[in-house]
C-alpha cells in the first residue's frame, strides 16, 4: 500500500493499513501505465468522469456513481481515464477489518468483498452522496497531519464500518445471490480461472486444464469464448504475459530471472513468446515502462 501511496503522490495516513484517496482531476495521465498487484482491498468509486481498467483478465469501464471492489492479489492495469475523472478510493487490508472493527463471526455480513468476480455497483444519487460523506469523514480523521481529535480512533472505526455496511447493503440489493445466478458456462469459466491462477507458471497447454476439468480442449475453449470472448489458449497466454509484465516492472529482477520465475526453458524461448504476444521484446518493454 505504501508503494501505491507514493506513486499517486499522497502522504502516508494515520493507519498504515488504511488509505483514503480523494482525487479531483489531478492526473495529466494515469500514474499506473504498467500492470501492478496490490496486497489490499480497494473500494473504487467514480464521482465524475470515467475510467477503463483491467482486473486480472477482464476489462471494465466505470462511470459516474459506479463503484467496484478490487480484491488483494488482483493484477490491475488502468487503461484509460477521462479528462474530468474524479475518484474516491478506500484501500485497506483484511487485518484492518478484524483489528479495529469486526469479529470474524460477523464477516458474513460483508462477504460481498470476497465475491469470486468483480460485479460493478450502480449507486443512486443519495447513495453516492452518502459514500462521499463517509469517505471524506474517514479521510479527515485518518490524516496524520490533523491536530489531535478526541475519539479519533472511534470515529475512524465507526465511519469505516458504516462505509462497509453501506456498500454491503447496496451489493446485497443488486446481487442477492451472486453465485446462485451463475450459469453452467460462467461456473466453468470461474473454475478454469481458479485452476489457471494456480498453475499458469508451470502449465501452458490447454489440454492440461481441460483434463483437470474433465472436459475436451475444444469444449473448454468454446465455453470460455462464449463467456470471455477468448479461447483457453488466449486466456493462458494473457495470464502469462500479464505476470511477465508485472515481473519486468520490478527493476530488481533480471530478464533471465523473470524467465526462470515463469518456468521457461531458456531466455530465448521466453523472449520469442513475449514478443509473439506483445509485439515487443522483454528488454524493449522494460526500457519503455513509464
Protein backbone atom coordinates (compact mmCIF):
# COMPACT_ATOMS: atom_id res chain seq x y z
CA UNK A 1 0.00 0.00 0.00
CA UNK A 2 2.86 2.37 0.79
CA UNK A 3 4.20 1.97 -2.76
CA UNK A 4 0.85 2.93 -4.28
CA UNK A 5 0.51 5.90 -1.91
CA UNK A 6 3.93 7.16 -3.03
CA UNK A 7 3.16 6.74 -6.73
CA UNK A 8 -0.11 8.70 -6.58
CA UNK A 9 1.56 11.48 -4.60
CA UNK A 10 -0.36 11.10 -1.35
CA UNK A 11 1.08 11.31 2.13
CA UNK A 12 1.00 8.32 4.50
CA UNK A 13 -2.01 8.40 6.79
CA UNK A 14 -2.55 7.61 10.47
CA UNK A 15 -3.32 3.93 9.94
CA UNK A 16 -0.77 2.41 7.57
CA UNK A 17 -3.18 -0.39 6.60
CA UNK A 18 -5.94 2.06 5.62
CA UNK A 19 -5.68 4.77 2.98
CA UNK A 20 -8.32 7.08 1.55
CA UNK A 21 -7.54 8.81 -1.75
CA UNK A 22 -9.68 11.71 -2.87
CA UNK A 23 -8.77 12.57 -6.46
CA UNK A 24 -10.07 15.65 -8.22
CA UNK A 25 -8.77 15.62 -11.77
CA UNK A 26 -5.15 15.88 -10.63
CA UNK A 27 -3.54 13.49 -13.10
CA UNK A 28 -2.33 14.58 -16.52
CA UNK A 29 -2.15 10.87 -17.28
CA UNK A 30 -2.55 7.67 -15.32
CA UNK A 31 0.33 7.03 -12.89
CA UNK A 32 -0.05 3.28 -13.49
CA UNK A 33 0.88 2.60 -17.11
CA UNK A 34 2.09 -0.92 -16.28
CA UNK A 35 0.19 -3.72 -14.52
CA UNK A 36 0.50 -3.80 -10.74
CA UNK A 37 -0.63 -6.07 -7.95
CA UNK A 38 -1.71 -4.54 -4.66
CA UNK A 39 -1.94 -6.55 -1.46
CA UNK A 40 -5.08 -4.91 -0.16
CA UNK A 41 -8.79 -4.41 -0.80
CA UNK A 42 -9.91 -1.23 -2.54
CA UNK A 43 -13.35 0.34 -2.89
CA UNK A 44 -13.13 2.38 -6.09
CA UNK A 45 -15.94 4.91 -6.57
CA UNK A 46 -16.19 7.18 -9.62
CA UNK A 47 -17.66 10.55 -8.65
CA UNK A 48 -17.15 12.17 -12.05
CA UNK A 49 -15.95 11.10 -15.50
CA UNK A 50 -14.99 7.55 -16.44
CA UNK A 51 -12.15 5.07 -16.10
CA UNK A 52 -11.35 1.93 -18.06
CA UNK A 53 -9.32 -0.69 -16.23
CA UNK A 54 -8.36 -4.33 -16.43
CA UNK A 55 -8.73 -6.57 -13.40
CA UNK A 56 -6.98 -9.88 -13.96
CA UNK A 57 -8.23 -10.91 -17.40
CA UNK A 58 -11.34 -8.77 -17.69
CA UNK A 59 -11.85 -5.16 -18.73
CA UNK A 60 -14.31 -2.84 -17.00
CA UNK A 61 -15.49 0.69 -17.72
CA UNK A 62 -16.72 2.60 -14.68
CA UNK A 63 -18.70 5.81 -14.97
CA UNK A 64 -20.07 8.38 -12.55
CA UNK A 65 -21.73 6.85 -9.46
CA UNK A 66 -20.38 3.37 -10.19
CA UNK A 67 -18.05 1.50 -7.86
CA UNK A 68 -16.18 -1.78 -7.81
CA UNK A 69 -14.33 -3.81 -5.20
CA UNK A 70 -10.77 -4.80 -6.08
CA UNK A 71 -9.50 -7.75 -4.07
CA UNK A 72 -5.95 -8.47 -2.83
CA UNK A 73 -3.55 -10.05 -5.34
CA UNK A 74 -5.64 -8.83 -8.28
CA UNK A 75 -3.41 -7.77 -11.17
CA UNK A 76 -4.73 -4.35 -12.16
CA UNK A 77 -3.98 -2.01 -15.00
CA UNK A 78 -5.54 1.37 -15.76
CA UNK A 79 -6.12 1.53 -19.50
CA UNK A 80 -7.77 4.91 -19.99
CA UNK A 81 -9.15 7.80 -17.94
CA UNK A 82 -11.35 10.72 -18.93
CA UNK A 83 -10.01 14.25 -18.56
CA UNK A 84 -12.60 15.09 -15.91
CA UNK A 85 -12.04 11.96 -13.83
CA UNK A 86 -12.69 12.24 -10.10
CA UNK A 87 -12.50 9.19 -7.86
CA UNK A 88 -12.59 8.13 -4.26
CA UNK A 89 -10.63 5.03 -3.35
CA UNK A 90 -10.59 3.46 0.08
CA UNK A 91 -7.84 0.84 0.40
CA UNK A 92 -7.47 -1.44 3.41
CA UNK A 93 -6.15 -4.82 4.49
CA UNK A 94 -8.33 -7.60 5.81
CA UNK A 95 -6.33 -7.40 9.05
CA UNK A 96 -7.52 -3.82 9.43
CA UNK A 97 -11.13 -5.01 9.37
CA UNK A 98 -10.52 -7.61 12.06
CA UNK A 99 -8.24 -5.37 14.10
CA UNK A 100 -10.46 -2.37 14.63
CA UNK A 101 -13.97 -3.28 13.63
CA UNK A 102 -15.27 -6.78 13.33
CA UNK A 103 -15.28 -10.14 14.97
CA UNK A 104 -14.64 -12.85 12.40
CA UNK A 105 -18.08 -14.30 13.13
CA UNK A 106 -19.58 -11.09 11.74
CA UNK A 107 -17.66 -11.25 8.47
CA UNK A 108 -20.55 -12.92 6.62
CA UNK A 109 -22.41 -9.62 6.76
CA UNK A 110 -19.88 -8.10 4.37
CA UNK A 111 -18.96 -11.19 2.34
CA UNK A 112 -19.52 -9.13 -0.82
CA UNK A 113 -15.85 -8.13 -0.70
CA UNK A 114 -14.83 -11.74 -1.27
CA UNK A 115 -17.05 -12.39 -4.32
CA UNK A 116 -15.33 -14.54 -6.95
CA UNK A 117 -15.72 -11.94 -9.69
CA UNK A 118 -15.92 -8.15 -9.87
CA UNK A 119 -19.54 -7.01 -10.20
CA UNK A 120 -19.98 -3.28 -10.57
CA UNK A 121 -22.43 -1.42 -8.38
CA UNK A 122 -24.52 1.44 -9.73
CA UNK A 123 -25.33 3.80 -6.89
CA UNK A 124 -28.35 6.03 -6.64
CA UNK A 125 -27.69 9.76 -6.23
CA UNK A 126 -28.30 9.71 -2.48
CA UNK A 127 -26.14 6.61 -2.08
CA UNK A 128 -23.29 8.34 -3.91
CA UNK A 129 -23.60 11.37 -1.66
CA UNK A 130 -23.53 9.14 1.42
CA UNK A 131 -20.44 7.35 0.13
CA UNK A 132 -18.67 10.67 -0.39
CA UNK A 133 -19.56 11.99 3.07
CA UNK A 134 -18.39 8.81 4.82
CA UNK A 135 -15.18 8.65 2.78
CA UNK A 136 -14.34 12.29 3.48
CA UNK A 137 -15.00 11.81 7.20
CA UNK A 138 -12.72 8.78 7.15
CA UNK A 139 -10.02 10.66 5.24
CA UNK A 140 -10.12 13.65 7.59
CA UNK A 141 -9.67 11.54 10.70
CA UNK A 142 -7.05 9.27 9.16
CA UNK A 143 -4.97 12.29 8.10
CA UNK A 144 -1.71 12.08 10.06
CA UNK A 145 -1.28 15.87 9.84
CA UNK A 146 -4.56 16.62 11.57
CA UNK A 147 -4.40 18.07 15.05
CA UNK A 148 -5.36 15.77 17.88
CA UNK A 149 -9.06 14.96 17.84
CA UNK A 150 -10.90 13.41 20.77
CA UNK A 151 -12.32 9.96 19.94
CA UNK A 152 -10.34 9.96 16.71
CA UNK A 153 -9.87 6.17 16.62
CA UNK A 154 -13.52 5.63 17.39
CA UNK A 155 -14.58 7.95 14.55
CA UNK A 156 -12.32 6.05 12.13
CA UNK A 157 -13.67 2.73 13.34
CA UNK A 158 -17.32 3.67 13.01
CA UNK A 159 -17.09 5.66 9.78
CA UNK A 160 -15.21 2.79 8.16
CA UNK A 161 -17.78 0.36 9.47
CA UNK A 162 -20.63 2.48 8.13
CA UNK A 163 -18.96 2.61 4.72
CA UNK A 164 -18.56 -1.18 4.70
CA UNK A 165 -22.17 -1.82 5.55
CA UNK A 166 -23.36 0.96 3.24
CA UNK A 167 -21.72 -0.73 0.24
CA UNK A 168 -22.70 -4.13 1.58
CA UNK A 169 -26.38 -3.19 1.68
CA UNK A 170 -26.27 -1.94 -1.92
CA UNK A 171 -24.42 -5.05 -3.03
CA UNK A 172 -26.97 -7.37 -1.38
CA UNK A 173 -29.78 -5.46 -3.06
CA UNK A 174 -28.21 -5.60 -6.51
CA UNK A 175 -26.71 -9.10 -6.24
CA UNK A 176 -28.71 -11.02 -3.60
CA UNK A 177 -27.44 -14.43 -4.75
CA UNK A 178 -24.45 -13.75 -6.91
CA UNK A 179 -23.11 -17.30 -7.02
CA UNK A 180 -26.56 -18.83 -7.49
CA UNK A 181 -27.10 -16.71 -10.58
CA UNK A 182 -24.06 -18.08 -12.37
CA UNK A 183 -24.96 -20.37 -15.25
CA UNK A 184 -23.01 -23.52 -16.06
CA UNK A 185 -20.73 -21.75 -18.55
CA UNK A 186 -19.92 -18.99 -16.04
CA UNK A 187 -19.21 -21.59 -13.33
CA UNK A 188 -16.83 -23.43 -15.66
CA UNK A 189 -15.12 -20.16 -16.51
CA UNK A 190 -14.53 -19.33 -12.84
CA UNK A 191 -13.30 -22.88 -12.26
CA UNK A 192 -10.88 -22.56 -15.17
CA UNK A 193 -9.59 -19.18 -13.95
CA UNK A 194 -9.02 -20.58 -10.45
CA UNK A 195 -7.01 -23.54 -11.82
CA UNK A 196 -5.17 -21.23 -14.22
CA UNK A 197 -4.17 -18.91 -11.39
CA UNK A 198 -2.55 -21.82 -9.55
CA UNK A 199 -0.78 -23.47 -12.48
CA UNK A 200 -0.03 -20.94 -15.24
CA UNK A 201 3.68 -20.75 -14.39
CA UNK A 202 4.14 -24.44 -14.97
CA UNK A 203 1.39 -25.38 -17.43
CA UNK A 204 0.62 -23.56 -20.67
CA UNK A 205 -1.21 -26.32 -22.59
CA UNK A 206 -4.99 -26.22 -22.99
CA UNK A 207 -5.10 -30.00 -22.57
CA UNK A 208 -3.77 -29.76 -19.01
CA UNK A 209 -6.66 -27.52 -17.91
CA UNK A 210 -9.27 -29.42 -19.89
CA UNK A 211 -8.14 -32.70 -18.30
CA UNK A 212 -8.32 -31.15 -14.81
CA UNK A 213 -11.91 -30.10 -15.54
CA UNK A 214 -12.84 -33.39 -17.22
CA UNK A 215 -13.61 -31.61 -20.49
CA UNK A 216 -12.26 -31.80 -24.01
CA UNK A 217 -9.95 -28.98 -25.07
CA UNK A 218 -12.40 -27.95 -27.79
CA UNK A 219 -15.37 -27.78 -25.40
CA UNK A 220 -13.40 -25.81 -22.81
CA UNK A 221 -12.34 -23.23 -25.39
CA UNK A 222 -15.90 -22.99 -26.73
CA UNK A 223 -17.29 -22.28 -23.24
CA UNK A 224 -14.61 -19.69 -22.49
CA UNK A 225 -15.17 -18.00 -25.84
CA UNK A 226 -18.86 -17.52 -25.03
CA UNK A 227 -18.22 -16.05 -21.57
CA UNK A 228 -14.98 -14.12 -22.02
CA UNK A 229 -14.75 -13.77 -25.81
CA UNK A 230 -11.36 -15.50 -25.62
CA UNK A 231 -10.27 -19.12 -26.08
CA UNK A 232 -8.48 -21.13 -23.41
CA UNK A 233 -5.17 -20.66 -25.22
CA UNK A 234 -5.64 -16.90 -25.39
CA UNK A 235 -6.50 -16.69 -21.68
CA UNK A 236 -3.46 -18.77 -20.78
CA UNK A 237 -1.21 -16.52 -22.86
CA UNK A 238 -2.86 -13.40 -21.41
CA UNK A 239 -2.21 -14.62 -17.87
CA UNK A 240 1.43 -15.48 -18.53
CA UNK A 241 2.07 -12.17 -20.28
CA UNK A 242 0.30 -10.23 -17.54
CA UNK A 243 2.55 -11.84 -14.94
CA UNK A 244 5.60 -11.31 -17.16
CA UNK A 245 4.86 -7.58 -17.42
CA UNK A 246 4.38 -7.41 -13.68
CA UNK A 247 7.75 -9.07 -13.07
CA UNK A 248 9.52 -6.99 -15.72
CA UNK A 249 8.27 -3.89 -13.93
CA UNK A 250 10.45 -4.89 -10.97
CA UNK A 251 13.95 -3.47 -11.65
CA UNK A 252 15.46 -5.84 -9.08
CA UNK A 253 14.76 -8.84 -11.33
CA UNK A 254 16.84 -9.56 -14.40
CA UNK A 255 15.03 -10.68 -17.55
CA UNK A 256 16.65 -14.10 -17.07
CA UNK A 257 15.19 -14.29 -13.57
CA UNK A 258 11.77 -13.37 -14.94
CA UNK A 259 12.05 -16.20 -17.48
CA UNK A 260 13.05 -18.62 -14.72
CA UNK A 261 10.19 -17.47 -12.50
CA UNK A 262 7.75 -18.24 -15.31
CA UNK A 263 9.39 -21.64 -15.88
CA UNK A 264 10.57 -21.03 -19.44
CA UNK A 265 13.26 -23.48 -20.52
CA UNK A 266 15.58 -20.69 -21.61
CA UNK A 267 15.78 -16.93 -22.09
CA UNK A 268 15.47 -17.16 -25.87
CA UNK A 269 12.19 -19.07 -25.68
CA UNK A 270 10.80 -16.53 -23.22
CA UNK A 271 11.82 -13.64 -25.48
CA UNK A 272 10.14 -15.17 -28.52
CA UNK A 273 6.99 -15.97 -26.54
CA UNK A 274 6.80 -12.45 -25.11
CA UNK A 275 7.35 -10.77 -28.47
CA UNK A 276 4.81 -13.02 -30.20
CA UNK A 277 2.14 -11.95 -27.69
CA UNK A 278 3.05 -8.28 -27.23
CA UNK A 279 4.88 -7.25 -30.40
CA UNK A 280 7.95 -6.11 -28.45
CA UNK A 281 10.87 -7.79 -26.72
CA UNK A 282 11.07 -8.04 -22.90
CA UNK A 283 14.01 -5.61 -22.88
CA UNK A 284 12.13 -3.07 -25.01
CA UNK A 285 9.09 -3.34 -22.73
CA UNK A 286 11.24 -2.80 -19.64
CA UNK A 287 13.01 0.24 -21.12
CA UNK A 288 9.73 1.87 -22.06
CA UNK A 289 7.82 1.35 -18.81
CA UNK A 290 6.70 4.71 -17.51
